[in-house]
Amino acid sequence: MRSRRFVPSVSLLSAFEAVLRTGSTSAAARDLDLTQSTVSRLLQNLELQLGRPLFERYRQKLIPTEAAIAYGTDIARALDLIQRASMEFTTNPGGGTLSLAILPAFGTRWLAPRLGEFLTDHPGITVNLATRLRRFNFDSESFDAAIHFGTNDWRDAAHLKLFDERLTACISPALAAKRPIESVKDVAGYHLLQLETRPNAWKTWFGAQEADVPQLTGMLFDQFGTMTQAAISGLGVALLPDYLADVEIKEGRLVPILKRSVAGSGAYWLVWPRSRATYPPLNAFREWLEGLLVEVELQRYE
């Protein structure tokens, strides 16, 4: 049973969050469409209910305590969750919203072209996508699941393996015509474009070619998209996942070099917090992905 003392009303918490965010009761009053005196009274009532001050009063200024700042972070997250749940219930009572954190290139090139099928099969579900390059704490961000590259080691999360990453080295047709690559030794004369999150990718690729990795000289990127464009512009050789490389090769913007589709050093995963394991939109998405992976695997052998 929850103690009423530690479950303040939303009006008290909203006033506190607004004051903390805006820096004054007058600004908070404008934000909440209330009078300044009402906001001050709500703030005082919250302090009385909690039994300790949230702000220090100094020359008509409110200075939040360190404890209040930490408390406010949790309250803002809780209010966002309440707002999100209410919006979902009001706007989509028959389905729900799936908030998914995606890797930029994976989301654009692999997931997005296939997502229409899921939305057609589940018309009541709304999917919201946001990019994240690195893992995060599900407790601090309001995502139901995420697409993750690496291993099944996301803390306090469940995992569904999508597929292993395979890599193909690609170069622009114009650059390949100017300086043909006939053996692995020819690659050493090029700038080898690198990705921050794949520091050992070229070592893996050269190992698959049964060659030692040369000294790497080339630009460093944080996303596959910009690295792909750099390769198309003739700035060097890009080592790309096959789901990216295949599109560029098919459309003639890049050409592959030497041995294609070598095994990378990780896999793509769908991960989700265990607290969301029974959430219906997530279950529907996970089941759809599992079926899609079977279809993709069967197509490889057709």
Protein backbone atom coordinates (compact mmCIF):
# COMPACT_ATOMS: atom_id res chain seq x y z
CA MET A 1 0.00 0.00 0.00
CA ARG A 2 1.39 3.41 -0.99
CA SER A 3 1.77 6.07 1.70
CA ARG A 4 -0.11 9.24 0.72
CA ARG A 5 2.74 11.30 2.12
CA PHE A 6 5.09 9.97 -0.54
CA VAL A 7 2.59 10.15 -3.40
CA PRO A 8 1.97 13.91 -3.79
CA SER A 9 -0.73 15.08 -6.16
CA VAL A 10 0.15 15.80 -9.78
CA SER A 11 -0.66 19.50 -9.26
CA LEU A 12 1.95 19.78 -6.49
CA LEU A 13 4.57 17.92 -8.51
CA SER A 14 3.84 19.89 -11.68
CA ALA A 15 4.30 23.18 -9.82
CA PHE A 16 7.61 21.98 -8.35
CA GLU A 17 8.89 20.72 -11.72
CA ALA A 18 7.93 23.98 -13.42
CA VAL A 19 9.66 26.13 -10.79
CA LEU A 20 12.77 23.98 -10.96
CA ARG A 21 12.80 24.11 -14.76
CA THR A 22 12.01 27.82 -15.22
CA GLY A 23 13.84 29.19 -12.17
CA SER A 24 11.03 31.21 -10.57
CA THR A 25 7.42 31.04 -9.45
CA SER A 26 6.42 33.81 -11.86
CA ALA A 27 7.84 31.95 -14.88
CA ALA A 28 6.31 28.70 -13.65
CA ALA A 29 2.94 30.43 -13.27
CA ARG A 30 3.06 31.55 -16.91
CA ASP A 31 4.06 28.06 -17.99
CA LEU A 32 1.19 26.43 -16.06
CA ASP A 33 -1.35 29.19 -16.70
CA LEU A 34 -1.77 29.80 -12.96
CA THR A 35 -1.25 32.78 -10.68
CA GLN A 36 2.10 33.26 -8.98
CA SER A 37 0.48 33.00 -5.56
CA THR A 38 -1.08 29.66 -6.51
CA VAL A 39 2.27 28.25 -7.61
CA SER A 40 3.89 29.47 -4.37
CA ARG A 41 1.16 27.84 -2.31
CA LEU A 42 1.47 24.54 -4.18
CA LEU A 43 5.23 24.57 -3.65
CA GLN A 44 4.83 25.23 0.08
CA ASN A 45 2.25 22.46 0.39
CA LEU A 46 4.63 20.00 -1.27
CA GLU A 47 7.41 20.94 1.15
CA LEU A 48 5.02 20.46 4.06
CA GLN A 49 3.95 17.05 2.77
CA LEU A 50 7.54 15.89 2.24
CA GLY A 51 8.69 17.36 5.56
CA ARG A 52 11.75 19.19 4.25
CA PRO A 53 12.51 22.28 2.15
CA LEU A 54 13.09 22.01 -1.59
CA PHE A 55 14.40 25.54 -2.09
CA GLU A 56 16.41 28.07 -0.15
CA ARG A 57 14.85 31.56 -0.15
CA TYR A 58 17.42 34.29 -0.68
CA ARG A 59 16.40 37.86 -1.53
CA GLN A 60 13.20 36.75 -3.23
CA LYS A 61 15.07 34.12 -5.22
CA LEU A 62 14.50 30.38 -5.02
CA ILE A 63 17.66 28.30 -4.98
CA PRO A 64 17.02 24.54 -5.22
CA THR A 65 18.87 22.25 -2.84
CA GLU A 66 21.03 19.49 -4.28
CA ALA A 67 18.50 16.94 -3.06
CA ALA A 68 15.69 18.86 -4.79
CA ILE A 69 17.58 18.84 -8.10
CA ALA A 70 17.96 15.05 -7.93
CA TYR A 71 14.32 14.68 -6.86
CA GLY A 72 13.24 16.93 -9.71
CA THR A 73 14.96 14.73 -12.29
CA ASP A 74 12.91 11.75 -11.14
CA ILE A 75 9.69 13.79 -10.97
CA ALA A 76 10.14 15.17 -14.50
CA ARG A 77 10.63 11.64 -15.80
CA ALA A 78 7.53 10.45 -13.92
CA LEU A 79 5.40 13.31 -15.26
CA ASP A 80 6.60 12.56 -18.80
CA LEU A 81 5.60 8.94 -18.33
CA ILE A 82 2.14 9.91 -17.07
CA GLN A 83 1.67 12.29 -20.00
CA ARG A 84 2.80 9.66 -22.50
CA ALA A 85 0.49 7.00 -21.03
CA SER A 86 -2.45 9.38 -21.06
CA MET A 87 -1.80 10.40 -24.67
CA GLU A 88 -1.58 6.77 -25.73
CA PHE A 89 -4.83 5.92 -23.97
CA THR A 90 -6.65 8.93 -25.42
CA THR A 91 -5.41 8.84 -29.01
CA ASN A 92 -4.97 5.12 -29.54
CA PRO A 93 -7.20 3.13 -27.17
CA GLY A 94 -7.23 0.07 -29.41
CA GLY A 95 -3.50 -0.27 -29.91
CA GLY A 96 -0.60 1.54 -28.32
CA THR A 97 2.67 3.26 -29.04
CA LEU A 98 6.02 1.58 -29.46
CA SER A 99 8.98 3.88 -28.79
CA LEU A 100 12.07 2.41 -30.37
CA ALA A 101 15.68 3.61 -30.24
CA ILE A 102 17.46 2.74 -33.48
CA LEU A 103 20.92 2.91 -34.98
CA PRO A 104 20.77 5.51 -37.80
CA ALA A 105 21.96 3.43 -40.76
CA PHE A 106 20.21 0.26 -39.61
CA GLY A 107 16.96 2.13 -39.09
CA THR A 108 17.12 3.90 -42.46
CA ARG A 109 18.33 1.07 -44.68
CA TRP A 110 17.17 -2.16 -43.03
CA LEU A 111 14.21 -1.45 -40.75
CA ALA A 112 12.37 1.44 -42.42
CA PRO A 113 11.80 -0.29 -45.80
CA ARG A 114 10.22 -3.24 -43.97
CA LEU A 115 8.31 -1.36 -41.28
CA GLY A 116 5.30 -0.65 -43.48
CA GLU A 117 4.39 -4.33 -43.37
CA PHE A 118 4.27 -4.26 -39.57
CA LEU A 119 2.13 -1.12 -39.52
CA THR A 120 -0.26 -2.62 -42.08
CA ASP A 121 -0.63 -5.78 -40.00
CA HIS A 122 -1.05 -3.78 -36.77
CA PRO A 123 -3.04 -0.64 -37.67
CA GLY A 124 -3.67 0.24 -34.02
CA ILE A 125 0.03 0.55 -33.16
CA THR A 126 2.03 3.74 -33.62
CA VAL A 127 5.82 3.40 -33.88
CA ASN A 128 8.04 6.28 -32.78
CA LEU A 129 11.71 6.13 -33.79
CA ALA A 130 14.67 8.02 -32.34
CA THR A 131 18.36 7.48 -33.04
CA ARG A 132 20.88 6.49 -30.41
CA LEU A 133 24.47 5.64 -31.35
CA ARG A 134 25.35 4.03 -28.02
CA ARG A 135 23.55 2.11 -25.34
CA PHE A 136 21.73 3.98 -22.60
CA ASN A 137 19.87 3.34 -19.35
CA PHE A 138 16.26 2.32 -19.99
CA ASP A 139 15.37 3.75 -16.57
CA SER A 140 16.38 7.24 -17.66
CA GLU A 141 14.88 7.24 -21.17
CA SER A 142 11.32 6.42 -22.17
CA PHE A 143 12.01 3.75 -24.79
CA ASP A 144 10.22 0.42 -24.96
CA ALA A 145 13.09 -1.23 -26.85
CA ALA A 146 16.26 -0.50 -28.81
CA ILE A 147 18.29 -1.85 -31.71
CA HIS A 148 21.76 -2.64 -30.41
CA PHE A 149 25.01 -3.71 -32.09
CA GLY A 150 27.49 -5.90 -30.25
CA THR A 151 26.74 -8.88 -28.01
CA ASN A 152 23.85 -9.86 -25.75
CA ASP A 153 25.30 -7.95 -22.83
CA TRP A 154 22.89 -5.02 -22.35
CA ARG A 155 22.45 -4.77 -18.61
CA ASP A 156 19.02 -5.62 -17.13
CA ALA A 157 17.55 -6.23 -20.59
CA ALA A 158 16.24 -9.13 -22.64
CA HIS A 159 17.65 -9.78 -26.13
CA LEU A 160 16.48 -11.05 -29.52
CA LYS A 161 19.27 -11.67 -32.02
CA LEU A 162 18.53 -10.30 -35.48
CA PHE A 163 21.61 -11.28 -37.49
CA ASP A 164 25.41 -11.24 -37.46
CA GLU A 165 27.11 -8.32 -39.16
CA ARG A 166 28.98 -9.09 -42.38
CA LEU A 167 31.26 -6.54 -44.02
CA THR A 168 32.16 -5.61 -47.58
CA ALA A 169 34.88 -3.15 -48.56
CA CYS A 170 33.64 -0.65 -51.15
CA ILE A 171 35.12 2.10 -53.30
CA SER A 172 33.75 4.59 -55.81
CA PRO A 173 33.80 3.40 -59.46
CA ALA A 174 35.81 6.46 -60.52
CA LEU A 175 38.50 5.85 -57.91
CA ALA A 176 38.61 2.14 -58.72
CA ALA A 177 39.13 2.94 -62.42
CA LYS A 178 41.92 5.37 -61.62
CA ARG A 179 43.76 3.01 -59.27
CA PRO A 180 42.59 -0.58 -59.77
CA ILE A 181 42.73 -2.99 -56.82
CA GLU A 182 43.87 -6.42 -57.95
CA SER A 183 45.34 -7.74 -54.71
CA VAL A 184 45.22 -6.97 -51.02
CA LYS A 185 48.56 -5.16 -51.33
CA ASP A 186 46.91 -2.53 -53.52
CA VAL A 187 44.52 -1.61 -50.70
CA ALA A 188 47.33 -0.30 -48.53
CA GLY A 189 47.78 2.68 -50.83
CA TYR A 190 44.28 3.98 -50.15
CA HIS A 191 42.79 5.95 -47.29
CA LEU A 192 40.81 3.43 -45.23
CA LEU A 193 37.74 5.08 -43.76
CA GLN A 194 37.01 4.13 -40.17
CA LEU A 195 33.99 4.08 -37.84
CA GLU A 196 34.33 5.01 -34.17
CA THR A 197 32.22 2.07 -32.99
CA ARG A 198 34.13 -0.49 -35.10
CA PRO A 199 37.78 0.12 -34.12
CA ASN A 200 38.87 -3.40 -35.14
CA ALA A 201 36.83 -3.69 -38.34
CA TRP A 202 39.75 -3.31 -40.75
CA LYS A 203 41.82 -5.77 -38.75
CA THR A 204 38.99 -8.28 -39.12
CA TRP A 205 38.67 -7.61 -42.86
CA PHE A 206 42.40 -7.93 -43.58
CA GLY A 207 42.45 -11.14 -41.54
CA ALA A 208 39.73 -12.54 -43.81
CA GLN A 209 41.95 -11.64 -46.79
CA GLU A 210 44.80 -13.53 -45.07
CA ALA A 211 46.88 -10.38 -44.83
CA ASP A 212 48.31 -8.17 -42.11
CA VAL A 213 46.56 -4.89 -41.49
CA PRO A 214 48.63 -1.90 -42.72
CA GLN A 215 48.96 1.37 -40.88
CA LEU A 216 45.54 2.95 -41.07
CA THR A 217 45.32 6.38 -42.64
CA GLY A 218 41.87 7.75 -43.25
CA MET A 219 39.01 9.78 -41.91
CA LEU A 220 37.13 8.77 -38.74
CA PHE A 221 33.32 8.84 -38.69
CA ASP A 222 30.62 8.37 -36.08
CA GLN A 223 27.96 7.09 -38.51
CA PHE A 224 27.86 4.75 -41.49
CA GLY A 225 25.80 7.25 -43.50
CA THR A 226 28.48 9.92 -43.63
CA MET A 227 31.21 7.35 -44.18
CA THR A 228 29.27 5.92 -47.13
CA GLN A 229 28.93 9.35 -48.70
CA ALA A 230 32.66 9.95 -48.22
CA ALA A 231 33.40 6.74 -50.11
CA ILE A 232 30.99 7.69 -52.90
CA SER A 233 32.83 11.02 -53.16
CA GLY A 234 36.12 9.20 -53.67
CA LEU A 235 37.69 9.95 -50.28
CA GLY A 236 38.75 6.37 -49.61
CA VAL A 237 37.63 2.79 -49.05
CA ALA A 238 34.63 2.19 -46.77
CA LEU A 239 34.01 -1.03 -44.89
CA LEU A 240 30.22 -1.37 -44.81
CA PRO A 241 27.68 -3.84 -43.45
CA ASP A 242 26.17 -5.85 -46.29
CA TYR A 243 22.71 -4.32 -45.83
CA LEU A 244 24.29 -0.96 -46.72
CA ALA A 245 26.89 -2.16 -49.21
CA ASP A 246 24.40 -4.19 -51.28
CA VAL A 247 22.21 -1.15 -51.95
CA GLU A 248 25.11 1.09 -52.99
CA ILE A 249 26.63 -1.63 -55.18
CA LYS A 250 23.32 -2.43 -56.86
CA GLU A 251 22.70 1.24 -57.66
CA GLY A 252 26.23 1.71 -58.98
CA ARG A 253 27.49 4.27 -56.50
CA LEU A 254 30.13 1.91 -55.08
CA VAL A 255 31.91 -1.24 -56.23
CA PRO A 256 33.15 -4.06 -53.98
CA ILE A 257 36.80 -5.03 -53.73
CA LEU A 258 38.39 -8.46 -53.21
CA LYS A 259 36.60 -10.96 -50.94
CA ARG A 260 33.04 -9.88 -50.22
CA SER A 261 30.86 -10.33 -47.15
CA VAL A 262 33.38 -11.26 -44.47
CA ALA A 263 32.26 -11.98 -40.92
CA GLY A 264 32.30 -8.94 -38.65
CA SER A 265 32.80 -8.77 -34.91
CA GLY A 266 29.24 -8.45 -33.62
CA ALA A 267 25.54 -8.83 -34.26
CA TYR A 268 22.39 -6.73 -34.28
CA TRP A 269 19.93 -7.24 -31.45
CA LEU A 270 16.53 -6.07 -30.34
CA VAL A 271 16.78 -5.33 -26.62
CA TRP A 272 14.09 -4.28 -24.16
CA PRO A 273 13.82 -3.68 -20.40
CA ARG A 274 12.37 -6.63 -18.54
CA SER A 275 9.71 -4.37 -17.10
CA ARG A 276 8.25 -3.97 -20.63
CA ALA A 277 8.35 -7.67 -21.50
CA THR A 278 4.54 -8.04 -21.51
CA TYR A 279 3.76 -4.73 -23.24
CA PRO A 280 1.44 -5.68 -26.17
CA PRO A 281 2.93 -3.39 -28.89
CA LEU A 282 6.42 -4.65 -28.04
CA ASN A 283 5.27 -8.28 -28.12
CA ALA A 284 3.65 -7.71 -31.52
CA PHE A 285 6.82 -6.07 -32.87
CA ARG A 286 9.04 -8.83 -31.52
CA GLU A 287 6.86 -11.57 -33.04
CA TRP A 288 6.83 -9.72 -36.37
CA LEU A 289 10.62 -9.45 -36.34
CA GLU A 290 10.99 -13.15 -35.60
CA GLY A 291 8.80 -14.00 -38.59
CA LEU A 292 10.65 -11.53 -40.79
CA LEU A 293 14.00 -13.05 -39.90
CA VAL A 294 12.75 -16.48 -40.95
CA GLU A 295 11.63 -15.05 -44.30
CA VAL A 296 14.97 -13.31 -44.89
CA GLU A 297 16.86 -16.49 -44.04
CA LEU A 298 14.74 -18.56 -46.44
CA GLN A 299 15.33 -16.04 -49.25
CA ARG A 300 19.07 -16.63 -48.94
CA TYR A 301 18.61 -20.19 -50.14
CA GLU A 302 16.16 -19.52 -52.98
